Amino acid sequence: MRRVIMFALVLTLAGCQSAYYSAAEKVGYHKRDILVDRVESSRDAQAEAQEQFGSALEQLSTLVNFDGGDLEDAYEDLAREYERSDAAATEVRQRIDDVDHVAGALFAEWEDEIEQYSSARLKADSAAKLEETRRRYQQMISVMRRSEAKMAPVLTAMNDNVMYLKHNLNARAVASLKVEFGTIEGQIEALIRDMNAAIASSDEFIASMQ
């Protein structure tokens, strides 16, 4: 029953997207324009998530190097950073999915329209442009998905630390997290590098579409 409900929801969302594309085209806002806008939104979400994960790393570093003060406050700050990071990751995933959806619709429409050309020269030129755009898109979306895939392990590690401290909030527990810190630090730094690459790739794709 649950699978049936989920399938119906997917069809409904797909129908809403199709209706949105149709309505947008009636006012001169085509799938190509929507794709560029969604890539920009995805890029901005990546930049915000990048800052957020960097902030979470700073807070974790502060906690594992705790040297007096209110340990409860330090823990609560870390817990908030985790929640914000989780929300930022969810936003990035949604934005990338939105990009992928409109790209699929654009390429399908483009392929259909190529078959409608009566001019062999124009048909060949349009087909070449489609393949070049698709190639650049695949390069970009692959970089996006690579950075997206690295968020889950980072969030899992952060959540482990937050849960551990929740039930063991003392100096000895904090000291034991220093063993884990190096691994998490490396994961977040790698994630930030991949996000930088995704942002740069997005900018290149946007420039190629304008």
N, C-alpha and C. Protein backbone atom coordinates (compact mmCIF):
# COMPACT_ATOMS: atom_id res chain seq x y z
N MET A 1 0.84 -1.21 0.00
CA MET A 1 0.00 0.00 0.00
C MET A 1 0.87 1.26 0.00
N ARG A 2 1.94 1.21 0.81
CA ARG A 2 2.82 2.37 0.90
C ARG A 2 3.47 2.67 -0.45
N ARG A 3 3.86 1.59 -1.19
CA ARG A 3 4.48 1.80 -2.50
C ARG A 3 3.49 2.43 -3.47
N VAL A 4 2.25 2.03 -3.40
CA VAL A 4 1.22 2.60 -4.27
C VAL A 4 1.06 4.08 -4.01
N ILE A 5 1.04 4.45 -2.72
CA ILE A 5 0.89 5.86 -2.34
C ILE A 5 2.09 6.66 -2.83
N MET A 6 3.30 6.12 -2.64
CA MET A 6 4.50 6.82 -3.08
C MET A 6 4.51 7.00 -4.59
N PHE A 7 4.09 5.96 -5.33
CA PHE A 7 4.06 6.04 -6.79
C PHE A 7 3.07 7.10 -7.24
N ALA A 8 1.91 7.15 -6.57
CA ALA A 8 0.90 8.15 -6.91
C ALA A 8 1.43 9.55 -6.64
N LEU A 9 2.18 9.69 -5.54
CA LEU A 9 2.75 11.00 -5.20
C LEU A 9 3.75 11.44 -6.26
N VAL A 10 4.59 10.50 -6.72
CA VAL A 10 5.57 10.83 -7.76
C VAL A 10 4.87 11.28 -9.03
N LEU A 11 3.81 10.58 -9.41
CA LEU A 11 3.06 10.96 -10.61
C LEU A 11 2.43 12.34 -10.46
N THR A 12 1.92 12.61 -9.25
CA THR A 12 1.31 13.92 -9.00
C THR A 12 2.34 15.03 -9.11
N LEU A 13 3.51 14.82 -8.50
CA LEU A 13 4.57 15.82 -8.56
C LEU A 13 5.04 16.03 -10.00
N ALA A 14 5.15 14.92 -10.74
CA ALA A 14 5.58 15.02 -12.14
C ALA A 14 4.54 15.81 -12.93
N GLY A 15 3.25 15.56 -12.62
CA GLY A 15 2.19 16.30 -13.30
C GLY A 15 2.24 17.78 -12.97
N CYS A 16 2.54 18.10 -11.71
CA CYS A 16 2.66 19.50 -11.30
C CYS A 16 3.81 20.18 -12.03
N GLN A 17 4.92 19.46 -12.16
CA GLN A 17 6.07 20.01 -12.87
C GLN A 17 5.72 20.27 -14.33
N SER A 18 5.04 19.30 -14.96
CA SER A 18 4.66 19.46 -16.37
C SER A 18 3.73 20.65 -16.55
N ALA A 19 2.79 20.79 -15.62
CA ALA A 19 1.86 21.92 -15.68
C ALA A 19 2.61 23.24 -15.50
N TYR A 20 3.61 23.22 -14.63
CA TYR A 20 4.42 24.42 -14.40
C TYR A 20 5.19 24.80 -15.66
N TYR A 21 5.80 23.80 -16.30
CA TYR A 21 6.55 24.08 -17.52
C TYR A 21 5.64 24.65 -18.60
N SER A 22 4.45 24.06 -18.73
CA SER A 22 3.51 24.52 -19.75
C SER A 22 3.07 25.96 -19.49
N ALA A 23 2.75 26.26 -18.24
CA ALA A 23 2.32 27.61 -17.88
C ALA A 23 3.45 28.61 -18.09
N ALA A 24 4.67 28.21 -17.74
CA ALA A 24 5.82 29.11 -17.88
C ALA A 24 6.08 29.43 -19.35
N GLU A 25 5.95 28.41 -20.22
CA GLU A 25 6.21 28.63 -21.64
C GLU A 25 5.20 29.58 -22.27
N LYS A 26 4.00 29.60 -21.72
CA LYS A 26 2.97 30.49 -22.26
C LYS A 26 3.31 31.96 -22.04
N VAL A 27 4.18 32.23 -21.07
CA VAL A 27 4.60 33.61 -20.82
C VAL A 27 6.05 33.82 -21.23
N GLY A 28 6.55 32.93 -22.09
CA GLY A 28 7.89 33.10 -22.63
C GLY A 28 9.03 32.65 -21.75
N TYR A 29 8.73 31.83 -20.74
CA TYR A 29 9.76 31.33 -19.82
C TYR A 29 9.97 29.86 -20.13
N HIS A 30 10.96 29.56 -20.94
CA HIS A 30 11.14 28.22 -21.48
C HIS A 30 12.00 27.33 -20.58
N LYS A 31 11.99 26.04 -20.88
CA LYS A 31 12.73 25.07 -20.05
C LYS A 31 14.21 25.43 -19.96
N ARG A 32 14.77 25.96 -21.03
CA ARG A 32 16.17 26.38 -21.01
C ARG A 32 16.38 27.45 -19.93
N ASP A 33 15.46 28.41 -19.85
CA ASP A 33 15.55 29.47 -18.84
C ASP A 33 15.39 28.89 -17.44
N ILE A 34 14.45 27.97 -17.30
CA ILE A 34 14.20 27.34 -16.00
C ILE A 34 15.42 26.56 -15.55
N LEU A 35 16.05 25.86 -16.50
CA LEU A 35 17.26 25.09 -16.17
C LEU A 35 18.36 26.00 -15.64
N VAL A 36 18.60 27.10 -16.33
CA VAL A 36 19.64 28.04 -15.88
C VAL A 36 19.32 28.56 -14.49
N ASP A 37 18.07 28.94 -14.26
CA ASP A 37 17.67 29.46 -12.95
C ASP A 37 17.86 28.40 -11.85
N ARG A 38 17.54 27.15 -12.17
CA ARG A 38 17.66 26.10 -11.16
C ARG A 38 19.12 25.74 -10.90
N VAL A 39 19.96 25.83 -11.91
CA VAL A 39 21.39 25.61 -11.69
C VAL A 39 21.93 26.72 -10.79
N GLU A 40 21.48 27.95 -11.01
CA GLU A 40 21.90 29.06 -10.15
C GLU A 40 21.45 28.82 -8.70
N SER A 41 20.21 28.36 -8.53
CA SER A 41 19.70 28.09 -7.19
C SER A 41 20.47 26.96 -6.52
N SER A 42 20.80 25.94 -7.29
CA SER A 42 21.58 24.82 -6.76
C SER A 42 22.97 25.28 -6.36
N ARG A 43 23.57 26.11 -7.20
CA ARG A 43 24.90 26.66 -6.89
C ARG A 43 24.86 27.46 -5.59
N ASP A 44 23.83 28.28 -5.43
CA ASP A 44 23.71 29.10 -4.22
C ASP A 44 23.50 28.22 -2.98
N ALA A 45 22.71 27.15 -3.15
CA ALA A 45 22.48 26.23 -2.03
C ALA A 45 23.78 25.52 -1.64
N GLN A 46 24.58 25.17 -2.64
CA GLN A 46 25.88 24.55 -2.36
C GLN A 46 26.78 25.52 -1.59
N ALA A 47 26.78 26.78 -2.01
CA ALA A 47 27.62 27.78 -1.34
C ALA A 47 27.20 27.96 0.12
N GLU A 48 25.89 27.99 0.35
CA GLU A 48 25.39 28.15 1.72
C GLU A 48 25.71 26.92 2.56
N ALA A 49 25.56 25.73 1.96
CA ALA A 49 25.87 24.50 2.69
C ALA A 49 27.36 24.42 3.00
N GLN A 50 28.16 24.89 2.06
CA GLN A 50 29.61 24.90 2.26
C GLN A 50 29.97 25.73 3.50
N GLU A 51 29.36 26.89 3.61
CA GLU A 51 29.61 27.75 4.78
C GLU A 51 29.11 27.08 6.05
N GLN A 52 27.95 26.43 5.95
CA GLN A 52 27.38 25.80 7.13
C GLN A 52 28.23 24.63 7.63
N PHE A 53 28.70 23.80 6.74
CA PHE A 53 29.55 22.69 7.16
C PHE A 53 30.87 23.20 7.73
N GLY A 54 31.38 24.29 7.17
CA GLY A 54 32.59 24.90 7.72
C GLY A 54 32.35 25.40 9.14
N SER A 55 31.17 26.00 9.36
CA SER A 55 30.82 26.48 10.70
C SER A 55 30.69 25.32 11.68
N ALA A 56 30.10 24.21 11.22
CA ALA A 56 29.94 23.04 12.08
C ALA A 56 31.30 22.47 12.45
N LEU A 57 32.23 22.47 11.50
CA LEU A 57 33.57 21.98 11.79
C LEU A 57 34.26 22.85 12.84
N GLU A 58 34.09 24.16 12.74
CA GLU A 58 34.67 25.07 13.72
C GLU A 58 34.11 24.80 15.12
N GLN A 59 32.79 24.57 15.18
CA GLN A 59 32.18 24.33 16.48
C GLN A 59 32.64 23.00 17.07
N LEU A 60 32.79 21.99 16.22
CA LEU A 60 33.26 20.70 16.70
C LEU A 60 34.70 20.82 17.20
N SER A 61 35.51 21.60 16.48
CA SER A 61 36.90 21.83 16.90
C SER A 61 36.93 22.53 18.25
N THR A 62 36.04 23.51 18.42
CA THR A 62 35.97 24.23 19.70
C THR A 62 35.62 23.28 20.84
N LEU A 63 34.70 22.36 20.56
CA LEU A 63 34.25 21.45 21.60
C LEU A 63 35.33 20.44 21.98
N VAL A 64 35.99 19.84 20.98
CA VAL A 64 37.00 18.82 21.31
C VAL A 64 38.24 19.45 21.96
N ASN A 65 38.39 20.75 21.76
CA ASN A 65 39.50 21.46 22.42
C ASN A 65 38.99 22.28 23.61
N PHE A 66 37.88 21.82 24.16
CA PHE A 66 37.22 22.50 25.27
C PHE A 66 38.20 22.75 26.42
N ASP A 67 38.21 24.00 26.87
CA ASP A 67 39.17 24.37 27.93
C ASP A 67 38.50 25.32 28.92
N GLY A 68 37.50 24.80 29.60
CA GLY A 68 36.78 25.60 30.59
C GLY A 68 35.55 26.26 30.00
N GLY A 69 34.66 26.68 30.86
CA GLY A 69 33.40 27.29 30.43
C GLY A 69 32.25 26.34 30.66
N ASP A 70 31.14 26.61 29.97
CA ASP A 70 29.93 25.81 30.13
C ASP A 70 29.89 24.73 29.06
N LEU A 71 30.12 23.49 29.45
CA LEU A 71 30.15 22.38 28.51
C LEU A 71 28.77 22.15 27.90
N GLU A 72 27.73 22.38 28.66
CA GLU A 72 26.36 22.21 28.15
C GLU A 72 26.10 23.17 26.99
N ASP A 73 26.54 24.41 27.15
CA ASP A 73 26.35 25.40 26.08
C ASP A 73 27.11 24.99 24.82
N ALA A 74 28.33 24.50 25.00
CA ALA A 74 29.14 24.07 23.86
C ALA A 74 28.47 22.91 23.13
N TYR A 75 27.89 21.98 23.90
CA TYR A 75 27.19 20.84 23.29
C TYR A 75 25.96 21.32 22.52
N GLU A 76 25.20 22.22 23.11
CA GLU A 76 23.99 22.72 22.44
C GLU A 76 24.33 23.47 21.15
N ASP A 77 25.45 24.20 21.17
CA ASP A 77 25.90 24.88 19.95
C ASP A 77 26.22 23.86 18.86
N LEU A 78 26.87 22.77 19.22
CA LEU A 78 27.20 21.73 18.25
C LEU A 78 25.94 21.07 17.71
N ALA A 79 24.98 20.79 18.61
CA ALA A 79 23.73 20.17 18.19
C ALA A 79 22.99 21.06 17.19
N ARG A 80 23.00 22.37 17.42
CA ARG A 80 22.36 23.30 16.48
C ARG A 80 23.09 23.32 15.14
N GLU A 81 24.41 23.26 15.19
CA GLU A 81 25.17 23.24 13.94
C GLU A 81 24.86 21.98 13.13
N TYR A 82 24.67 20.86 13.83
CA TYR A 82 24.30 19.63 13.13
C TYR A 82 22.94 19.78 12.46
N GLU A 83 21.96 20.30 13.19
CA GLU A 83 20.62 20.48 12.63
C GLU A 83 20.65 21.40 11.41
N ARG A 84 21.42 22.48 11.50
CA ARG A 84 21.53 23.41 10.37
C ARG A 84 22.21 22.75 9.18
N SER A 85 23.21 21.95 9.45
CA SER A 85 23.93 21.24 8.39
C SER A 85 23.01 20.23 7.70
N ASP A 86 22.21 19.55 8.49
CA ASP A 86 21.27 18.57 7.95
C ASP A 86 20.25 19.28 7.06
N ALA A 87 19.74 20.42 7.50
CA ALA A 87 18.78 21.19 6.71
C ALA A 87 19.42 21.70 5.42
N ALA A 88 20.67 22.15 5.51
CA ALA A 88 21.38 22.65 4.32
C ALA A 88 21.59 21.53 3.32
N ALA A 89 21.90 20.33 3.80
CA ALA A 89 22.10 19.19 2.92
C ALA A 89 20.80 18.81 2.22
N THR A 90 19.70 18.86 2.95
CA THR A 90 18.39 18.56 2.35
C THR A 90 18.07 19.56 1.25
N GLU A 91 18.38 20.82 1.48
CA GLU A 91 18.14 21.86 0.47
C GLU A 91 18.99 21.60 -0.77
N VAL A 92 20.24 21.23 -0.59
CA VAL A 92 21.11 20.95 -1.74
C VAL A 92 20.56 19.78 -2.55
N ARG A 93 20.17 18.71 -1.87
CA ARG A 93 19.63 17.54 -2.58
C ARG A 93 18.39 17.92 -3.40
N GLN A 94 17.50 18.70 -2.81
CA GLN A 94 16.28 19.09 -3.51
C GLN A 94 16.60 19.95 -4.72
N ARG A 95 17.52 20.88 -4.56
CA ARG A 95 17.88 21.76 -5.67
C ARG A 95 18.50 20.97 -6.82
N ILE A 96 19.35 19.99 -6.50
CA ILE A 96 19.97 19.18 -7.55
C ILE A 96 18.91 18.33 -8.25
N ASP A 97 17.98 17.77 -7.49
CA ASP A 97 16.88 16.99 -8.10
C ASP A 97 16.05 17.87 -9.03
N ASP A 98 15.81 19.11 -8.63
CA ASP A 98 15.05 20.04 -9.46
C ASP A 98 15.78 20.31 -10.77
N VAL A 99 17.09 20.47 -10.69
CA VAL A 99 17.90 20.68 -11.89
C VAL A 99 17.77 19.47 -12.82
N ASP A 100 17.93 18.29 -12.25
CA ASP A 100 17.89 17.07 -13.05
C ASP A 100 16.53 16.88 -13.73
N HIS A 101 15.47 17.25 -13.04
CA HIS A 101 14.13 17.06 -13.59
C HIS A 101 13.92 17.95 -14.81
N VAL A 102 14.22 19.21 -14.69
CA VAL A 102 13.98 20.12 -15.83
C VAL A 102 14.95 19.82 -16.97
N ALA A 103 16.16 19.37 -16.65
CA ALA A 103 17.11 19.00 -17.71
C ALA A 103 16.56 17.84 -18.53
N GLY A 104 16.01 16.84 -17.85
CA GLY A 104 15.43 15.71 -18.56
C GLY A 104 14.29 16.15 -19.47
N ALA A 105 13.45 17.04 -18.96
CA ALA A 105 12.32 17.55 -19.76
C ALA A 105 12.82 18.36 -20.95
N LEU A 106 13.84 19.18 -20.73
CA LEU A 106 14.40 19.99 -21.82
C LEU A 106 14.99 19.11 -22.92
N PHE A 107 15.80 18.12 -22.55
CA PHE A 107 16.45 17.29 -23.55
C PHE A 107 15.43 16.44 -24.32
N ALA A 108 14.40 15.96 -23.63
CA ALA A 108 13.36 15.17 -24.30
C ALA A 108 12.62 16.04 -25.32
N GLU A 109 12.29 17.26 -24.93
CA GLU A 109 11.60 18.18 -25.83
C GLU A 109 12.49 18.52 -27.03
N TRP A 110 13.77 18.76 -26.76
CA TRP A 110 14.72 19.12 -27.82
C TRP A 110 14.82 17.99 -28.84
N GLU A 111 14.90 16.76 -28.36
CA GLU A 111 14.99 15.60 -29.26
C GLU A 111 13.75 15.49 -30.14
N ASP A 112 12.58 15.71 -29.55
CA ASP A 112 11.33 15.65 -30.31
C ASP A 112 11.29 16.73 -31.39
N GLU A 113 11.73 17.92 -31.05
CA GLU A 113 11.67 19.04 -31.99
C GLU A 113 12.67 18.87 -33.14
N ILE A 114 13.79 18.20 -32.88
CA ILE A 114 14.77 17.96 -33.95
C ILE A 114 14.14 17.18 -35.09
N GLU A 115 13.27 16.25 -34.75
CA GLU A 115 12.62 15.43 -35.78
C GLU A 115 11.63 16.23 -36.62
N GLN A 116 11.29 17.43 -36.19
CA GLN A 116 10.30 18.23 -36.91
C GLN A 116 10.93 19.14 -37.97
N TYR A 117 12.27 19.21 -38.01
CA TYR A 117 12.94 20.06 -39.00
C TYR A 117 12.75 19.52 -40.42
N SER A 118 12.52 20.42 -41.35
CA SER A 118 12.50 20.04 -42.76
C SER A 118 13.87 20.29 -43.39
N SER A 119 14.63 21.21 -42.79
CA SER A 119 15.97 21.53 -43.28
C SER A 119 16.98 20.56 -42.66
N ALA A 120 17.69 19.83 -43.53
CA ALA A 120 18.69 18.88 -43.05
C ALA A 120 19.83 19.60 -42.33
N ARG A 121 20.19 20.78 -42.84
CA ARG A 121 21.30 21.52 -42.24
C ARG A 121 20.95 21.98 -40.84
N LEU A 122 19.75 22.56 -40.69
CA LEU A 122 19.33 23.04 -39.37
C LEU A 122 19.12 21.88 -38.40
N LYS A 123 18.62 20.78 -38.93
CA LYS A 123 18.42 19.59 -38.08
C LYS A 123 19.74 19.08 -37.54
N ALA A 124 20.75 18.99 -38.38
CA ALA A 124 22.06 18.51 -37.96
C ALA A 124 22.71 19.48 -36.97
N ASP A 125 22.55 20.79 -37.23
CA ASP A 125 23.14 21.78 -36.34
C ASP A 125 22.48 21.72 -34.96
N SER A 126 21.16 21.59 -34.93
CA SER A 126 20.45 21.52 -33.66
C SER A 126 20.83 20.24 -32.90
N ALA A 127 20.97 19.14 -33.63
CA ALA A 127 21.35 17.87 -32.99
C ALA A 127 22.75 17.97 -32.38
N ALA A 128 23.66 18.66 -33.07
CA ALA A 128 25.01 18.83 -32.55
C ALA A 128 25.01 19.69 -31.29
N LYS A 129 24.19 20.75 -31.30
CA LYS A 129 24.09 21.63 -30.13
C LYS A 129 23.49 20.88 -28.95
N LEU A 130 22.51 20.02 -29.22
CA LEU A 130 21.91 19.21 -28.16
C LEU A 130 22.96 18.32 -27.51
N GLU A 131 23.74 17.64 -28.32
CA GLU A 131 24.74 16.72 -27.77
C GLU A 131 25.81 17.46 -26.98
N GLU A 132 26.19 18.64 -27.45
CA GLU A 132 27.19 19.42 -26.73
C GLU A 132 26.62 19.92 -25.39
N THR A 133 25.38 20.37 -25.41
CA THR A 133 24.74 20.83 -24.17
C THR A 133 24.57 19.68 -23.19
N ARG A 134 24.17 18.53 -23.72
CA ARG A 134 24.00 17.35 -22.86
C ARG A 134 25.34 16.92 -22.25
N ARG A 135 26.42 17.00 -23.05
CA ARG A 135 27.75 16.64 -22.54
C ARG A 135 28.17 17.56 -21.41
N ARG A 136 27.99 18.87 -21.61
CA ARG A 136 28.36 19.83 -20.56
C ARG A 136 27.50 19.62 -19.33
N TYR A 137 26.23 19.32 -19.56
CA TYR A 137 25.32 19.09 -18.42
C TYR A 137 25.75 17.86 -17.62
N GLN A 138 26.08 16.77 -18.31
CA GLN A 138 26.48 15.55 -17.62
C GLN A 138 27.74 15.77 -16.79
N GLN A 139 28.65 16.57 -17.32
CA GLN A 139 29.86 16.89 -16.54
C GLN A 139 29.48 17.63 -15.26
N MET A 140 28.60 18.62 -15.39
CA MET A 140 28.20 19.41 -14.23
C MET A 140 27.43 18.58 -13.20
N ILE A 141 26.43 17.83 -13.66
CA ILE A 141 25.59 17.10 -12.72
C ILE A 141 26.39 16.01 -12.01
N SER A 142 27.41 15.46 -12.69
CA SER A 142 28.25 14.45 -12.05
C SER A 142 29.03 15.05 -10.89
N VAL A 143 29.54 16.27 -11.09
CA VAL A 143 30.26 16.95 -10.02
C VAL A 143 29.31 17.28 -8.87
N MET A 144 28.11 17.72 -9.21
CA MET A 144 27.10 18.02 -8.19
C MET A 144 26.78 16.78 -7.36
N ARG A 145 26.54 15.67 -8.04
CA ARG A 145 26.16 14.44 -7.35
C ARG A 145 27.31 13.92 -6.48
N ARG A 146 28.54 14.14 -6.93
CA ARG A 146 29.69 13.69 -6.14
C ARG A 146 29.75 14.42 -4.80
N SER A 147 29.54 15.73 -4.84
CA SER A 147 29.55 16.49 -3.58
C SER A 147 28.34 16.13 -2.72
N GLU A 148 27.21 15.91 -3.38
CA GLU A 148 26.00 15.52 -2.64
C GLU A 148 26.22 14.21 -1.90
N ALA A 149 26.88 13.25 -2.55
CA ALA A 149 27.09 11.93 -1.94
C ALA A 149 27.97 12.00 -0.70
N LYS A 150 28.83 13.02 -0.62
CA LYS A 150 29.73 13.13 0.53
C LYS A 150 29.07 13.76 1.75
N MET A 151 27.87 14.30 1.58
CA MET A 151 27.21 14.93 2.72
C MET A 151 26.71 13.92 3.73
N ALA A 152 26.15 12.81 3.25
CA ALA A 152 25.56 11.82 4.16
C ALA A 152 26.56 11.25 5.16
N PRO A 153 27.77 10.82 4.73
CA PRO A 153 28.74 10.31 5.71
C PRO A 153 29.16 11.36 6.74
N VAL A 154 29.27 12.61 6.30
CA VAL A 154 29.63 13.68 7.23
C VAL A 154 28.53 13.87 8.26
N LEU A 155 27.29 13.89 7.80
CA LEU A 155 26.17 14.07 8.73
C LEU A 155 26.05 12.90 9.69
N THR A 156 26.31 11.70 9.20
CA THR A 156 26.26 10.52 10.07
C THR A 156 27.31 10.62 11.18
N ALA A 157 28.52 11.01 10.80
CA ALA A 157 29.59 11.15 11.79
C ALA A 157 29.27 12.25 12.79
N MET A 158 28.75 13.37 12.31
CA MET A 158 28.38 14.46 13.21
C MET A 158 27.29 14.02 14.18
N ASN A 159 26.30 13.30 13.65
CA ASN A 159 25.20 12.85 14.50
C ASN A 159 25.68 11.88 15.57
N ASP A 160 26.63 11.01 15.19
CA ASP A 160 27.21 10.08 16.17
C ASP A 160 27.82 10.85 17.34
N ASN A 161 28.56 11.90 17.00
CA ASN A 161 29.22 12.70 18.03
C ASN A 161 28.21 13.41 18.92
N VAL A 162 27.17 13.97 18.30
CA VAL A 162 26.15 14.68 19.06
C VAL A 162 25.42 13.73 20.00
N MET A 163 25.06 12.54 19.50
CA MET A 163 24.35 11.57 20.34
C MET A 163 25.24 11.07 21.48
N TYR A 164 26.50 10.85 21.17
CA TYR A 164 27.42 10.37 22.20
C TYR A 164 27.54 11.38 23.34
N LEU A 165 27.67 12.64 22.98
CA LEU A 165 27.80 13.68 24.01
C LEU A 165 26.51 13.89 24.77
N LYS A 166 25.40 13.67 24.11
CA LYS A 166 24.10 13.86 24.77
C LYS A 166 24.00 13.02 26.03
N HIS A 167 24.55 11.82 25.98
CA HIS A 167 24.44 10.90 27.12
C HIS A 167 25.74 10.76 27.91
N ASN A 168 26.79 11.47 27.46
CA ASN A 168 28.07 11.40 28.16
C ASN A 168 28.72 12.78 28.19
N LEU A 169 28.00 13.75 28.71
CA LEU A 169 28.48 15.13 28.65
C LEU A 169 29.43 15.40 29.81
N ASN A 170 30.70 15.04 29.58
CA ASN A 170 31.72 15.31 30.58
C ASN A 170 33.07 15.45 29.87
N ALA A 171 34.06 15.91 30.60
CA ALA A 171 35.37 16.18 30.00
C ALA A 171 36.00 14.92 29.41
N ARG A 172 35.78 13.77 30.05
CA ARG A 172 36.36 12.53 29.54
C ARG A 172 35.74 12.16 28.19
N ALA A 173 34.44 12.33 28.06
CA ALA A 173 33.76 12.03 26.80
C ALA A 173 34.24 12.95 25.69
N VAL A 174 34.37 14.24 26.02
CA VAL A 174 34.85 15.21 25.04
C VAL A 174 36.26 14.83 24.58
N ALA A 175 37.10 14.42 25.50
CA ALA A 175 38.47 14.04 25.16
C ALA A 175 38.49 12.83 24.22
N SER A 176 37.55 11.91 24.42
CA SER A 176 37.52 10.71 23.57
C SER A 176 37.13 11.04 22.14
N LEU A 177 36.44 12.17 21.93
CA LEU A 177 36.05 12.56 20.58
C LEU A 177 37.22 13.06 19.75
N LYS A 178 38.31 13.39 20.40
CA LYS A 178 39.48 13.87 19.66
C LYS A 178 39.99 12.81 18.69
N VAL A 179 39.76 11.54 19.04
CA VAL A 179 40.18 10.44 18.17
C VAL A 179 39.38 10.48 16.87
N GLU A 180 38.08 10.84 16.99
CA GLU A 180 37.20 10.89 15.83
C GLU A 180 37.37 12.18 15.03
N PHE A 181 37.85 13.21 15.67
CA PHE A 181 37.85 14.54 15.06
C PHE A 181 38.65 14.59 13.76
N GLY A 182 39.80 13.95 13.75
CA GLY A 182 40.63 13.99 12.55
C GLY A 182 39.92 13.44 11.33
N THR A 183 39.16 12.35 11.53
CA THR A 183 38.41 11.73 10.43
C THR A 183 37.32 12.67 9.92
N ILE A 184 36.55 13.23 10.87
CA ILE A 184 35.47 14.14 10.48
C ILE A 184 36.03 15.38 9.80
N GLU A 185 37.12 15.89 10.32
CA GLU A 185 37.74 17.07 9.72
C GLU A 185 38.12 16.79 8.26
N GLY A 186 38.71 15.63 8.03
CA GLY A 186 39.09 15.26 6.67
C GLY A 186 37.88 15.13 5.75
N GLN A 187 36.79 14.55 6.29
CA GLN A 187 35.57 14.37 5.50
C GLN A 187 34.97 15.73 5.11
N ILE A 188 34.91 16.63 6.07
CA ILE A 188 34.31 17.94 5.80
C ILE A 188 35.19 18.74 4.84
N GLU A 189 36.48 18.67 5.01
CA GLU A 189 37.38 19.39 4.09
C GLU A 189 37.25 18.86 2.67
N ALA A 190 37.10 17.54 2.53
CA ALA A 190 36.91 16.95 1.19
C ALA A 190 35.56 17.37 0.62
N LEU A 191 34.54 17.41 1.47
CA LEU A 191 33.22 17.86 1.03
C LEU A 191 33.26 19.30 0.54
N ILE A 192 33.93 20.16 1.28
CA ILE A 192 34.02 21.57 0.90
C ILE A 192 34.76 21.73 -0.43
N ARG A 193 35.80 20.92 -0.64
CA ARG A 193 36.52 20.97 -1.92
C ARG A 193 35.60 20.56 -3.07
N ASP A 194 34.82 19.50 -2.85
CA ASP A 194 33.91 19.05 -3.90
C ASP A 194 32.80 20.07 -4.15
N MET A 195 32.36 20.74 -3.10
CA MET A 195 31.36 21.79 -3.28
C MET A 195 31.93 22.95 -4.08
N ASN A 196 33.19 23.28 -3.83
CA ASN A 196 33.86 24.31 -4.63
C ASN A 196 33.87 23.92 -6.10
N ALA A 197 34.16 22.66 -6.37
CA ALA A 197 34.19 22.17 -7.75
C ALA A 197 32.80 22.23 -8.36
N ALA A 198 31.77 21.90 -7.57
CA ALA A 198 30.39 21.93 -8.07
C ALA A 198 29.96 23.36 -8.38
N ILE A 199 30.35 24.29 -7.53
CA ILE A 199 30.02 25.70 -7.76
C ILE A 199 30.69 26.21 -9.03
N ALA A 200 31.97 25.87 -9.21
CA ALA A 200 32.70 26.30 -10.41
C ALA A 200 32.10 25.67 -11.66
N SER A 201 31.74 24.39 -11.58
CA SER A 201 31.14 23.70 -12.72
C SER A 201 29.79 24.32 -13.07
N SER A 202 29.03 24.70 -12.05
CA SER A 202 27.74 25.35 -12.28
C SER A 202 27.92 26.67 -13.00
N ASP A 203 28.90 27.45 -12.56
CA ASP A 203 29.16 28.74 -13.21
C ASP A 203 29.54 28.56 -14.68
N GLU A 204 30.35 27.54 -14.96
CA GLU A 204 30.76 27.28 -16.34
C GLU A 204 29.55 26.89 -17.20
N PHE A 205 28.68 26.05 -16.64
CA PHE A 205 27.50 25.63 -17.39
C PHE A 205 26.57 26.81 -17.66
N ILE A 206 26.35 27.63 -16.64
CA ILE A 206 25.49 28.82 -16.80
C ILE A 206 26.03 29.73 -17.89
N ALA A 207 27.34 29.95 -17.88
CA ALA A 207 27.96 30.82 -18.89
C ALA A 207 27.78 30.24 -20.29
N SER A 208 27.83 28.92 -20.40
CA SER A 208 27.69 28.27 -21.72
C SER A 208 26.26 28.36 -22.25
N MET A 209 25.31 28.56 -21.36
CA MET A 209 23.90 28.61 -21.76
C MET A 209 23.44 30.02 -22.07
N GLN A 210 24.29 31.01 -21.87
CA GLN A 210 23.88 32.40 -22.06
C GLN A 210 24.53 33.03 -23.29
